[in-house]
Amino acid sequence: MSRCQEPGEEEEEFVTEIVCQETDLEDGKMKEVTVGDQKVLLVRTQGQFSAVGGQCSHYNAPLAKGALVGDRVRCPFHGACFNIRTGDIEEYPGLDSLPSYKVKVEDGKVYVSINKNSLKLTRRIKAMCSEAPEVKHTILLIGGGPASLVCAETLRQNCFEGRIIIITKDNLPPIDKPKLSKAMNVSSDSILLRSSDFYHQHGIQVWTQKEVVSLNPAKKEVKLTDGTLQRYDQLLISTGCRARPLSCPGSDLEGVKLLQSYEDAKEIHSSCLGKKAVVIGASFIGMEVASFLSDKAASVSMIGTTRYPYERSLGPEIGKMCMQMLEEKDVKFHMSDEVVEIRGENGKVKMVVLKSGAVLDADVVIAGIGVIPNTDFLAGSKVEVDSRQAVIVDKFMRTNVPDVFSAGDVTSFPLSIRGDQRVNIGHWQMSQAQGRVAALNMLKKPTEINSIPFFWTVLLGKSIRFAGYGEGYTEIIFKGKVEERKFLAFYIKDESVVAAASLMFDPAVAQIAEMMAAGQTITKAQAQSDDLSWLQM
């Protein structure tokens, strides 16, 4: 009974419904039930029932179709994890936790009660403090991506009352950037991760259209493009990466585009309508852009240096299937080839010349040929970077410079599932996880990064999911049939499964990610077996 509640009022305050018989749900199982109009995830573990919101806080996926391991459920679509007792988010993507509900068992019946005031709520923002003017400690977060945002939120969730400043060169505060290559004509409002009211309420300053040009750790200050200096007590470098520009002749012509910002996405969309588009680079960004433009541009041509798209990352079989999917939508592929020149007329793109001698008509050229870490401003700062110019951090997201942390795509970090091999992984989910870990360590709450990489790509409405770290794999074992566009792929290295990819095979990849997170080794023999009961599908 809530505080100040009179006896007999409870029925008015709560909606309570019988959702099932106690015997309907075995231990270690979950199901979706409905209370009022609300979808609820009912779980039974170790003999106890619990109930939380039934939809993932990221994109509303049904969690009942996910993977349940111990006290947490992993979303089948994009890998976010939630504690089934509290509803708290424990792994990303997504920012919000789930509401949790009261459960009681009486006479063999299971009842779930939801407060009427929260009956319509599908997500819950964790309690946060705000800024206290008397606290002079300043934490500066450079970069307006998911790592900075989750870092800021985690600081406030853990009662940090000092000043928090996010500095971003973008025009917008943090946005849902993976959408830019998948749905290029979205409105800016629809992709904002948080509202301006949210930042105001929790005392998080967001400085847009400002860029840090140098860092002076000795003085604990950064210099901005306008010459102003901003001091800090602790700093997070989460500047991400920028798209690698083309270096061939003609790459400076009007109509040659890179996809980095919201404005770039809008510009590429509008300039390609009814025009001839050429996409250079047959990896994730390039393929998603080609997929999106396939029914909007007059023609789409794709140029890649390998035989098939994704050949190095996902393997030739999946690459060939993805290529066929886009070919069915009249995307023309020029593989095992490369651009030697872009020719123009009156300063505008007119054609693309390939090494093979082929000449493609083009009104717009979009390059997706890789990325460069945004670390130029660290020159002279003594912050250590690797050969690719990514910031080197330890398991606590600390750089070699005291009070300077780093998170997100810009980092080179130790990956626990690979024996702490240092890697650079540009996954949305990993950036969020690292932002959280950085915040906790700033607050002297020692926490290591142990997240399992989880990634997804969308082509023509179909989602390929990927978990683990596949670099250096020596063999792929398939379940299902790739050519039928329903499969599960196991990537093998040293007789173990190091990664998995799937299409129309949920929640297999989510389950594998949870097994990896629990420290389980999945053997090649398990992957080869016709009996996949160990996957608990």
Protein backbone atom coordinates (compact mmCIF):
# COMPACT_ATOMS: atom_id res chain seq x y z
CA MET A 1 0.00 0.00 0.00
CA SER A 2 1.46 3.37 -0.94
CA ARG A 3 2.19 6.08 1.58
CA CYS A 4 -0.88 8.12 2.65
CA GLN A 5 -3.17 5.51 1.17
CA GLU A 6 -6.35 4.82 3.11
CA PRO A 7 -7.53 1.24 3.63
CA GLY A 8 -9.87 0.19 0.85
CA GLU A 9 -8.31 2.55 -1.69
CA GLU A 10 -6.06 -0.08 -3.19
CA GLU A 11 -8.55 -1.27 -5.78
CA GLU A 12 -8.81 2.26 -7.16
CA GLU A 13 -5.02 2.68 -7.31
CA PHE A 14 -4.09 -0.63 -8.93
CA VAL A 15 -5.32 -2.72 -11.81
CA THR A 16 -4.95 -6.36 -10.77
CA GLU A 17 -5.60 -9.30 -13.07
CA ILE A 18 -5.16 -13.06 -13.02
CA VAL A 19 -2.65 -13.68 -15.80
CA CYS A 20 -2.21 -17.47 -15.62
CA GLN A 21 -2.27 -20.55 -13.43
CA GLU A 22 0.88 -21.20 -11.39
CA THR A 23 1.36 -24.48 -13.27
CA ASP A 24 1.23 -22.72 -16.68
CA LEU A 25 4.83 -21.48 -16.45
CA GLU A 26 7.78 -23.78 -15.85
CA ASP A 27 10.84 -22.61 -13.97
CA GLY A 28 13.31 -20.76 -16.22
CA LYS A 29 10.55 -19.79 -18.66
CA MET A 30 8.77 -16.55 -19.57
CA LYS A 31 5.64 -15.50 -21.42
CA GLU A 32 3.88 -12.33 -22.48
CA VAL A 33 0.64 -11.58 -20.61
CA THR A 34 -1.68 -8.58 -20.68
CA VAL A 35 -2.87 -6.43 -17.78
CA GLY A 36 -5.29 -3.72 -18.84
CA ASP A 37 -3.90 -2.98 -22.31
CA GLN A 38 -0.32 -3.29 -21.11
CA LYS A 39 2.00 -6.02 -22.41
CA VAL A 40 3.79 -7.59 -19.45
CA LEU A 41 6.69 -10.05 -19.38
CA LEU A 42 5.97 -12.70 -16.75
CA VAL A 43 9.03 -14.73 -15.70
CA ARG A 44 9.51 -17.66 -13.35
CA THR A 45 13.03 -18.28 -12.09
CA GLN A 46 14.11 -20.29 -9.03
CA GLY A 47 10.46 -20.80 -8.16
CA GLN A 48 9.74 -17.08 -8.00
CA PHE A 49 7.51 -15.09 -10.34
CA SER A 50 8.40 -11.58 -11.46
CA ALA A 51 6.83 -9.18 -13.95
CA VAL A 52 8.32 -6.30 -15.93
CA GLY A 53 7.39 -4.31 -19.04
CA GLY A 54 7.05 -6.62 -22.03
CA GLN A 55 8.67 -4.41 -24.69
CA CYS A 56 12.33 -3.52 -25.09
CA SER A 57 12.95 0.16 -24.37
CA HIS A 58 15.06 0.46 -27.53
CA TYR A 59 12.63 -0.28 -30.41
CA ASN A 60 9.77 -2.02 -28.54
CA ALA A 61 10.69 -5.59 -29.50
CA PRO A 62 8.70 -8.31 -27.66
CA LEU A 63 11.02 -9.50 -24.89
CA ALA A 64 9.12 -12.79 -24.54
CA LYS A 65 10.81 -13.80 -27.81
CA GLY A 66 14.25 -13.03 -26.40
CA ALA A 67 16.78 -15.04 -24.40
CA LEU A 68 16.30 -15.61 -20.67
CA VAL A 69 19.46 -16.52 -18.76
CA GLY A 70 19.40 -16.39 -14.98
CA ASP A 71 17.94 -13.11 -13.80
CA ARG A 72 18.07 -11.24 -17.08
CA VAL A 73 16.37 -11.22 -20.44
CA ARG A 74 18.12 -10.18 -23.66
CA CYS A 75 16.16 -8.55 -26.48
CA PRO A 76 16.01 -10.79 -29.58
CA PHE A 77 16.45 -7.89 -32.01
CA HIS A 78 19.38 -5.75 -30.87
CA GLY A 79 20.69 -7.34 -27.69
CA ALA A 80 19.63 -4.96 -24.88
CA CYS A 81 19.40 -6.75 -21.50
CA PHE A 82 17.11 -6.13 -18.54
CA ASN A 83 17.02 -7.44 -14.99
CA ILE A 84 13.79 -9.41 -14.63
CA ARG A 85 13.46 -8.56 -10.92
CA THR A 86 13.97 -4.78 -11.10
CA GLY A 87 13.47 -3.99 -14.81
CA ASP A 88 16.82 -2.13 -14.81
CA ILE A 89 18.69 -1.99 -18.12
CA GLU A 90 21.97 -3.93 -17.83
CA GLU A 91 23.18 -3.98 -21.43
CA TYR A 92 22.55 -1.71 -24.40
CA PRO A 93 21.29 -0.38 -26.89
CA GLY A 94 18.43 1.65 -25.45
CA LEU A 95 18.58 4.11 -22.58
CA ASP A 96 15.60 3.35 -20.39
CA SER A 97 14.74 0.61 -17.93
CA LEU A 98 11.46 -1.31 -17.81
CA PRO A 99 8.66 -0.76 -15.30
CA SER A 100 8.44 -3.58 -12.76
CA TYR A 101 5.13 -4.82 -11.38
CA LYS A 102 3.79 -6.56 -8.28
CA VAL A 103 3.18 -10.30 -8.57
CA LYS A 104 1.42 -12.55 -6.09
CA VAL A 105 0.39 -16.20 -6.21
CA GLU A 106 -2.78 -17.28 -4.42
CA ASP A 107 -4.67 -20.57 -4.70
CA GLY A 108 -2.59 -21.59 -7.68
CA LYS A 109 -3.36 -18.39 -9.59
CA VAL A 110 -0.81 -15.73 -10.60
CA TYR A 111 -1.89 -12.09 -10.18
CA VAL A 112 -0.10 -9.03 -11.59
CA SER A 113 -0.88 -5.54 -10.28
CA ILE A 114 -0.09 -2.29 -12.08
CA ASN A 115 -0.52 1.16 -10.61
CA LYS A 116 -3.24 2.92 -12.63
CA ASN A 117 -1.07 6.03 -12.99
CA SER A 118 1.64 4.04 -14.75
CA LEU A 119 -0.58 1.69 -16.74
CA LYS A 120 0.33 3.33 -20.06
CA LEU A 121 4.10 3.53 -19.38
CA THR A 122 6.25 1.04 -21.29
CA ARG A 123 9.61 2.32 -20.05
CA ARG A 124 11.13 3.90 -16.97
CA ILE A 125 13.89 6.47 -16.67
CA LYS A 126 16.15 5.62 -13.76
CA ALA A 127 16.11 8.13 -10.88
CA MET A 128 18.71 10.86 -11.38
CA CYS A 129 19.95 13.79 -9.40
CA SER A 130 20.72 17.18 -10.92
CA GLU A 131 23.47 19.77 -10.59
CA ALA A 132 24.16 21.34 -7.19
CA PRO A 133 25.72 24.81 -7.63
CA GLU A 134 27.98 24.36 -4.60
CA VAL A 135 29.68 21.29 -6.17
CA LYS A 136 32.55 22.71 -8.23
CA HIS A 137 33.74 19.44 -9.85
CA THR A 138 33.41 19.58 -13.69
CA ILE A 139 33.24 16.54 -15.95
CA LEU A 140 33.72 17.35 -19.62
CA LEU A 141 32.47 14.95 -22.28
CA ILE A 142 33.90 15.61 -25.75
CA GLY A 143 31.66 14.23 -28.50
CA GLY A 144 27.89 14.12 -28.86
CA GLY A 145 27.39 10.39 -29.35
CA PRO A 146 25.94 7.56 -27.25
CA ALA A 147 29.05 7.15 -25.08
CA SER A 148 28.84 10.74 -23.83
CA LEU A 149 25.10 10.57 -23.24
CA VAL A 150 25.20 7.30 -21.29
CA CYS A 151 28.21 8.58 -19.33
CA ALA A 152 26.28 11.74 -18.35
CA GLU A 153 23.17 9.77 -17.39
CA THR A 154 25.17 7.22 -15.38
CA LEU A 155 26.88 10.04 -13.46
CA ARG A 156 23.51 11.53 -12.51
CA GLN A 157 22.06 8.09 -11.67
CA ASN A 158 24.94 7.66 -9.22
CA CYS A 159 24.37 10.98 -7.41
CA PHE A 160 27.11 13.03 -9.06
CA GLU A 161 26.01 16.64 -8.53
CA GLY A 162 28.87 18.47 -10.23
CA ARG A 163 28.86 20.15 -13.62
CA ILE A 164 28.47 17.98 -16.74
CA ILE A 165 29.18 19.46 -20.18
CA ILE A 166 28.79 17.59 -23.47
CA ILE A 167 30.62 19.33 -26.32
CA THR A 168 29.65 18.34 -29.87
CA LYS A 169 30.47 19.84 -33.26
CA ASP A 170 27.09 18.61 -34.53
CA ASN A 171 24.07 20.88 -34.90
CA LEU A 172 21.92 18.49 -32.87
CA PRO A 173 22.25 17.02 -29.39
CA PRO A 174 22.80 13.20 -29.31
CA ILE A 175 20.75 11.37 -31.97
CA ASP A 176 19.99 7.75 -32.89
CA LYS A 177 22.75 7.70 -35.49
CA PRO A 178 22.36 4.09 -36.77
CA LYS A 179 19.08 5.20 -38.32
CA LEU A 180 20.81 7.65 -40.66
CA SER A 181 21.93 4.99 -43.13
CA LYS A 182 18.76 2.91 -42.75
CA ALA A 183 16.11 5.65 -43.04
CA MET A 184 17.77 8.75 -44.46
CA ASN A 185 14.67 10.95 -44.61
CA VAL A 186 13.70 10.85 -40.92
CA SER A 187 12.79 14.05 -39.09
CA SER A 188 15.37 15.32 -36.60
CA ASP A 189 12.80 15.25 -33.79
CA SER A 190 12.20 11.54 -34.28
CA ILE A 191 15.86 10.60 -33.78
CA LEU A 192 16.74 12.75 -30.76
CA LEU A 193 17.78 10.39 -27.97
CA ARG A 194 16.64 12.83 -25.27
CA SER A 195 14.57 16.02 -25.25
CA SER A 196 15.95 19.45 -24.34
CA ASP A 197 13.74 19.28 -21.22
CA PHE A 198 15.55 16.12 -20.14
CA TYR A 199 18.98 17.79 -20.27
CA HIS A 200 17.64 20.84 -18.45
CA GLN A 201 15.93 18.79 -15.74
CA HIS A 202 19.05 16.79 -14.95
CA GLY A 203 21.56 19.63 -15.27
CA ILE A 204 23.40 18.28 -18.32
CA GLN A 205 24.75 21.06 -20.54
CA VAL A 206 24.96 20.27 -24.26
CA TRP A 207 27.10 22.66 -26.30
CA THR A 208 26.34 22.09 -30.00
CA GLN A 209 28.38 23.43 -32.94
CA LYS A 210 31.51 23.62 -30.80
CA GLU A 211 34.69 21.68 -31.42
CA VAL A 212 37.70 20.96 -29.22
CA VAL A 213 40.96 21.68 -31.07
CA SER A 214 43.51 20.85 -28.35
CA LEU A 215 43.87 19.26 -24.94
CA ASN A 216 46.29 20.35 -22.20
CA PRO A 217 46.24 17.68 -19.44
CA ALA A 218 48.83 19.55 -17.35
CA LYS A 219 46.45 22.50 -16.98
CA LYS A 220 43.33 20.29 -17.22
CA GLU A 221 41.82 22.40 -19.96
CA VAL A 222 40.68 22.14 -23.57
CA LYS A 223 40.73 24.80 -26.26
CA LEU A 224 37.73 25.29 -28.56
CA THR A 225 37.66 26.53 -32.16
CA ASP A 226 36.58 30.00 -31.02
CA GLY A 227 39.72 30.24 -28.87
CA THR A 228 37.94 29.87 -25.52
CA LEU A 229 39.36 27.56 -22.87
CA GLN A 230 37.31 25.21 -20.71
CA ARG A 231 38.81 23.57 -17.66
CA TYR A 232 37.81 20.18 -16.32
CA ASP A 233 38.41 17.87 -13.35
CA GLN A 234 37.72 14.73 -15.37
CA LEU A 235 37.44 14.30 -19.13
CA LEU A 236 35.88 11.78 -21.50
CA ILE A 237 37.14 11.54 -25.08
CA SER A 238 34.22 10.11 -27.08
CA THR A 239 34.71 11.89 -30.39
CA GLY A 240 33.95 8.83 -32.52
CA CYS A 241 35.18 8.50 -36.09
CA ARG A 242 34.66 10.40 -39.32
CA ALA A 243 34.00 8.93 -42.74
CA ARG A 244 37.16 8.33 -44.75
CA PRO A 245 37.16 10.65 -47.80
CA LEU A 246 37.90 9.49 -51.32
CA SER A 247 41.38 10.27 -52.59
CA CYS A 248 40.94 9.68 -56.33
CA PRO A 249 40.89 12.51 -58.91
CA GLY A 250 37.48 14.21 -58.95
CA SER A 251 36.65 13.42 -55.33
CA ASP A 252 36.14 17.14 -54.69
CA LEU A 253 33.37 17.50 -57.31
CA GLU A 254 29.89 18.64 -56.36
CA GLY A 255 27.73 15.56 -55.77
CA VAL A 256 30.38 13.49 -53.97
CA LYS A 257 28.97 12.75 -50.51
CA LEU A 258 30.01 11.27 -47.18
CA LEU A 259 27.46 10.19 -44.58
CA GLN A 260 28.39 11.58 -41.18
CA SER A 261 25.63 13.82 -39.87
CA TYR A 262 21.86 14.18 -39.93
CA GLU A 263 22.29 16.95 -42.52
CA ASP A 264 24.35 14.59 -44.72
CA ALA A 265 21.59 11.96 -44.62
CA LYS A 266 18.90 14.50 -45.63
CA GLU A 267 21.13 15.87 -48.39
CA ILE A 268 21.94 12.40 -49.81
CA HIS A 269 18.25 11.47 -49.78
CA SER A 270 17.05 14.61 -51.55
CA SER A 271 19.88 14.71 -54.10
CA CYS A 272 19.34 11.05 -55.11
CA LEU A 273 15.59 11.20 -55.78
CA GLY A 274 15.13 10.17 -59.41
CA LYS A 275 18.91 10.44 -60.02
CA LYS A 276 21.74 8.05 -60.81
CA ALA A 277 23.48 7.10 -57.55
CA VAL A 278 26.83 5.34 -57.26
CA VAL A 279 27.81 3.91 -53.86
CA ILE A 280 31.49 3.21 -53.25
CA GLY A 281 32.22 0.66 -50.52
CA ALA A 282 30.23 -2.56 -50.11
CA SER A 283 30.26 -2.79 -46.34
CA PHE A 284 27.58 -1.97 -43.76
CA ILE A 285 27.07 1.76 -44.40
CA GLY A 286 27.32 1.44 -48.19
CA MET A 287 24.94 -1.52 -48.37
CA GLU A 288 22.36 0.12 -46.10
CA VAL A 289 22.47 3.30 -48.18
CA ALA A 290 22.10 1.30 -51.43
CA SER A 291 19.20 -0.63 -49.91
CA PHE A 292 17.45 2.57 -48.82
CA LEU A 293 17.95 4.27 -52.20
CA SER A 294 16.98 1.20 -54.28
CA ASP A 295 13.37 2.37 -54.75
CA LYS A 296 14.09 6.12 -54.70
CA ALA A 297 16.99 6.76 -57.08
CA ALA A 298 16.67 6.26 -60.86
CA SER A 299 19.51 3.74 -60.59
CA VAL A 300 21.92 2.52 -57.91
CA SER A 301 25.36 1.08 -58.63
CA MET A 302 27.56 -0.44 -55.94
CA ILE A 303 31.35 -0.71 -56.17
CA GLY A 304 33.33 -3.03 -53.87
CA THR A 305 36.92 -4.26 -53.77
CA THR A 306 36.03 -7.82 -52.65
CA ARG A 307 34.07 -10.51 -54.55
CA TYR A 308 31.03 -10.04 -52.34
CA PRO A 309 29.82 -7.44 -49.84
CA TYR A 310 30.82 -8.13 -46.19
CA GLU A 311 33.18 -10.83 -47.41
CA ARG A 312 35.76 -10.21 -44.68
CA SER A 313 33.32 -9.66 -41.82
CA LEU A 314 30.39 -12.03 -42.47
CA GLY A 315 31.89 -14.34 -45.09
CA PRO A 316 31.22 -14.92 -48.82
CA GLU A 317 27.99 -16.92 -48.43
CA ILE A 318 26.13 -14.22 -46.50
CA GLY A 319 27.70 -11.54 -48.71
CA LYS A 320 26.48 -13.28 -51.86
CA MET A 321 22.95 -13.59 -50.42
CA CYS A 322 22.85 -9.87 -49.51
CA MET A 323 24.09 -8.98 -52.98
CA GLN A 324 21.31 -11.05 -54.57
CA MET A 325 18.70 -9.36 -52.36
CA LEU A 326 19.75 -5.94 -53.65
CA GLU A 327 20.15 -7.16 -57.24
CA GLU A 328 16.47 -8.15 -57.12
CA LYS A 329 15.81 -4.43 -56.50
CA ASP A 330 17.91 -3.51 -59.57
CA VAL A 331 21.02 -2.46 -57.66
CA LYS A 332 23.96 -3.11 -60.04
CA PHE A 333 27.14 -4.50 -58.46
CA HIS A 334 30.70 -3.93 -59.70
CA MET A 335 32.73 -6.14 -57.36
CA SER A 336 36.47 -6.91 -57.26
CA ASP A 337 36.87 -3.43 -58.72
CA GLU A 338 37.75 0.07 -57.60
CA VAL A 339 37.32 3.70 -58.57
CA VAL A 340 40.25 5.36 -60.32
CA GLU A 341 38.61 8.66 -61.25
CA ILE A 342 35.40 10.65 -60.90
CA ARG A 343 34.73 12.87 -63.91
CA GLY A 344 32.59 15.95 -63.88
CA GLU A 345 31.04 18.68 -65.99
CA ASN A 346 30.81 22.28 -64.77
CA GLY A 347 32.15 21.14 -61.40
CA LYS A 348 29.44 18.48 -60.94
CA VAL A 349 29.76 14.70 -60.93
CA LYS A 350 29.04 13.13 -64.31
CA MET A 351 30.63 9.67 -64.32
CA VAL A 352 32.71 7.22 -62.31
CA VAL A 353 35.64 5.40 -63.95
CA LEU A 354 36.62 1.98 -62.59
CA LYS A 355 39.92 0.11 -62.69
CA SER A 356 38.28 -2.55 -64.91
CA GLY A 357 37.61 0.14 -67.50
CA ALA A 358 33.89 0.36 -66.82
CA VAL A 359 32.42 3.87 -66.86
CA LEU A 360 29.26 4.50 -64.82
CA ASP A 361 26.94 7.46 -65.27
CA ALA A 362 26.48 9.27 -61.96
CA ASP A 363 24.64 12.29 -60.56
CA VAL A 364 25.55 11.51 -56.96
CA VAL A 365 28.45 9.49 -55.50
CA ILE A 366 28.28 8.27 -51.88
CA ALA A 367 31.46 6.93 -50.30
CA GLY A 368 31.41 4.41 -47.47
CA ILE A 369 35.03 3.26 -47.49
CA GLY A 370 35.85 3.18 -43.79
CA VAL A 371 36.45 5.60 -40.96
CA ILE A 372 39.19 7.62 -39.26
CA PRO A 373 39.23 8.13 -35.46
CA ASN A 374 38.70 11.77 -34.47
CA THR A 375 41.89 12.22 -32.46
CA ASP A 376 43.74 15.00 -34.32
CA PHE A 377 43.11 17.37 -31.39
CA LEU A 378 45.16 15.10 -29.10
CA ALA A 379 48.44 15.98 -30.84
CA GLY A 380 50.94 17.02 -28.18
CA SER A 381 48.68 15.96 -25.30
CA LYS A 382 50.61 12.76 -24.41
CA VAL A 383 47.33 10.76 -24.66
CA GLU A 384 48.45 7.47 -26.18
CA VAL A 385 46.93 6.33 -29.49
CA ASP A 386 47.52 3.17 -31.55
CA SER A 387 48.71 2.82 -35.14
CA ARG A 388 45.20 3.59 -36.42
CA GLN A 389 45.06 6.72 -34.21
CA ALA A 390 42.46 5.19 -31.84
CA VAL A 391 42.77 6.12 -28.16
CA ILE A 392 44.28 3.29 -26.08
CA VAL A 393 42.36 2.54 -22.87
CA ASP A 394 42.42 -0.14 -20.18
CA LYS A 395 39.44 -2.20 -18.96
CA PHE A 396 38.29 0.76 -16.88
CA MET A 397 38.23 3.06 -19.94
CA ARG A 398 41.20 5.01 -18.54
CA THR A 399 43.82 6.46 -20.89
CA ASN A 400 47.48 6.71 -19.89
CA VAL A 401 46.83 10.29 -18.67
CA PRO A 402 45.29 10.74 -15.18
CA ASP A 403 41.61 11.82 -15.12
CA VAL A 404 41.31 11.38 -18.91
CA PHE A 405 38.96 8.56 -19.99
CA SER A 406 37.79 7.50 -23.43
CA ALA A 407 34.79 5.55 -24.77
CA GLY A 408 33.09 4.59 -28.02
CA ASP A 409 34.26 4.13 -31.60
CA VAL A 410 37.38 6.21 -30.97
CA THR A 411 38.85 3.66 -28.51
CA SER A 412 41.16 0.68 -28.72
CA PHE A 413 40.21 -1.43 -25.71
CA PRO A 414 40.81 -4.92 -24.21
CA LEU A 415 38.06 -7.36 -25.26
CA SER A 416 37.41 -9.85 -22.47
CA ILE A 417 36.07 -12.64 -24.72
CA ARG A 418 39.32 -12.52 -26.70
CA GLY A 419 41.67 -12.76 -23.72
CA ASP A 420 41.91 -8.97 -23.50
CA GLN A 421 43.18 -8.56 -27.06
CA ARG A 422 43.06 -4.85 -27.87
CA VAL A 423 40.39 -4.11 -30.47
CA ASN A 424 38.53 -1.21 -32.02
CA ILE A 425 34.81 -1.95 -32.43
CA GLY A 426 32.43 0.63 -33.93
CA HIS A 427 29.19 -0.74 -32.45
CA TRP A 428 26.45 1.50 -31.06
CA GLN A 429 25.84 -0.86 -28.15
CA MET A 430 29.53 -1.04 -27.22
CA SER A 431 29.80 2.77 -27.15
CA GLN A 432 26.95 2.96 -24.66
CA ALA A 433 28.44 0.22 -22.48
CA GLN A 434 31.81 1.97 -22.45
CA GLY A 435 30.19 5.30 -21.56
CA ARG A 436 28.61 3.67 -18.51
CA VAL A 437 31.87 2.00 -17.44
CA ALA A 438 33.78 5.28 -17.82
CA ALA A 439 31.25 7.10 -15.61
CA LEU A 440 31.41 4.51 -12.84
CA ASN A 441 35.21 4.61 -12.82
CA MET A 442 35.19 8.42 -12.75
CA LEU A 443 33.13 8.02 -9.56
CA LYS A 444 35.72 5.60 -8.12
CA LYS A 445 33.37 2.63 -8.51
CA PRO A 446 35.79 0.17 -10.14
CA THR A 447 34.00 -1.49 -13.07
CA GLU A 448 35.50 -3.35 -16.04
CA ILE A 449 34.18 -3.40 -19.60
CA ASN A 450 32.90 -6.94 -20.20
CA SER A 451 30.20 -6.39 -22.82
CA ILE A 452 29.70 -8.83 -25.67
CA PRO A 453 29.79 -7.01 -29.04
CA PHE A 454 26.30 -7.05 -30.60
CA PHE A 455 25.54 -5.58 -33.99
CA TRP A 456 22.73 -5.51 -36.53
CA THR A 457 22.25 -4.35 -40.08
CA VAL A 458 19.01 -3.89 -42.04
CA LEU A 459 18.61 -4.49 -45.77
CA LEU A 460 15.20 -4.12 -47.44
CA GLY A 461 13.47 -4.60 -44.09
CA LYS A 462 15.41 -7.76 -43.21
CA SER A 463 17.69 -7.71 -40.16
CA ILE A 464 20.96 -9.60 -39.86
CA ARG A 465 22.11 -9.88 -36.25
CA PHE A 466 25.69 -10.50 -35.13
CA ALA A 467 27.29 -11.15 -31.74
CA GLY A 468 30.86 -11.82 -30.66
CA TYR A 469 34.14 -10.96 -32.37
CA GLY A 470 34.84 -12.84 -35.58
CA GLU A 471 38.20 -11.48 -36.70
CA GLY A 472 40.57 -14.28 -37.63
CA TYR A 473 37.85 -16.95 -37.90
CA THR A 474 38.90 -19.97 -39.94
CA GLU A 475 35.56 -21.63 -40.69
CA ILE A 476 31.82 -20.92 -40.78
CA ILE A 477 29.26 -23.57 -39.81
CA PHE A 478 25.72 -22.89 -41.04
CA LYS A 479 22.36 -24.01 -39.71
CA GLY A 480 19.40 -23.47 -42.01
CA LYS A 481 20.05 -22.33 -45.56
CA VAL A 482 21.65 -19.02 -46.50
CA GLU A 483 20.11 -19.13 -49.99
CA GLU A 484 16.65 -19.47 -48.40
CA ARG A 485 17.43 -16.38 -46.29
CA LYS A 486 16.92 -18.15 -42.99
CA PHE A 487 20.11 -19.20 -41.26
CA LEU A 488 22.36 -19.21 -38.22
CA ALA A 489 26.11 -18.93 -38.85
CA PHE A 490 28.78 -19.95 -36.31
CA TYR A 491 32.24 -18.42 -36.79
CA ILE A 492 34.93 -20.84 -35.60
CA LYS A 493 38.46 -20.15 -34.39
CA ASP A 494 40.64 -22.60 -32.43
CA GLU A 495 37.79 -25.16 -32.19
CA SER A 496 35.45 -22.61 -30.51
CA VAL A 497 32.61 -20.35 -31.61
CA VAL A 498 33.91 -16.75 -31.51
CA ALA A 499 30.89 -15.09 -33.16
CA ALA A 500 27.46 -15.81 -34.62
CA ALA A 501 25.23 -14.20 -37.24
CA SER A 502 21.62 -14.90 -38.12
CA LEU A 503 18.68 -13.99 -40.31
CA MET A 504 15.12 -15.05 -39.37
CA PHE A 505 16.56 -17.27 -36.63
CA ASP A 506 15.72 -15.37 -33.43
CA PRO A 507 16.57 -15.47 -30.60
CA ALA A 508 19.67 -17.56 -31.44
CA VAL A 509 22.18 -14.68 -31.55
CA ALA A 510 20.77 -13.15 -28.35
CA GLN A 511 21.10 -16.56 -26.65
CA ILE A 512 24.69 -16.96 -27.85
CA ALA A 513 25.56 -13.46 -26.62
CA GLU A 514 24.18 -14.36 -23.17
CA MET A 515 26.20 -17.58 -23.09
CA MET A 516 29.33 -15.64 -24.00
CA ALA A 517 28.49 -13.03 -21.34
CA ALA A 518 28.25 -15.82 -18.75
CA GLY A 519 31.76 -16.96 -19.74
CA GLN A 520 30.64 -20.17 -21.44
CA THR A 521 32.73 -21.59 -24.26
CA ILE A 522 30.66 -22.81 -27.22
CA THR A 523 32.57 -25.59 -28.96
CA LYS A 524 32.85 -26.36 -32.64
CA ALA A 525 31.26 -29.74 -31.86
CA GLN A 526 28.19 -28.00 -30.42
CA ALA A 527 27.92 -25.85 -33.56
CA GLN A 528 28.26 -28.91 -35.80
CA SER A 529 25.65 -30.94 -33.93
CA ASP A 530 22.17 -31.39 -35.39
CA ASP A 531 20.89 -31.10 -31.82
CA LEU A 532 20.70 -27.41 -30.97
CA SER A 533 18.83 -27.92 -27.70
CA TRP A 534 21.75 -26.21 -25.91
CA LEU A 535 20.52 -22.99 -27.57
CA GLN A 536 17.23 -23.23 -25.63
CA MET A 537 15.35 -21.81 -28.61
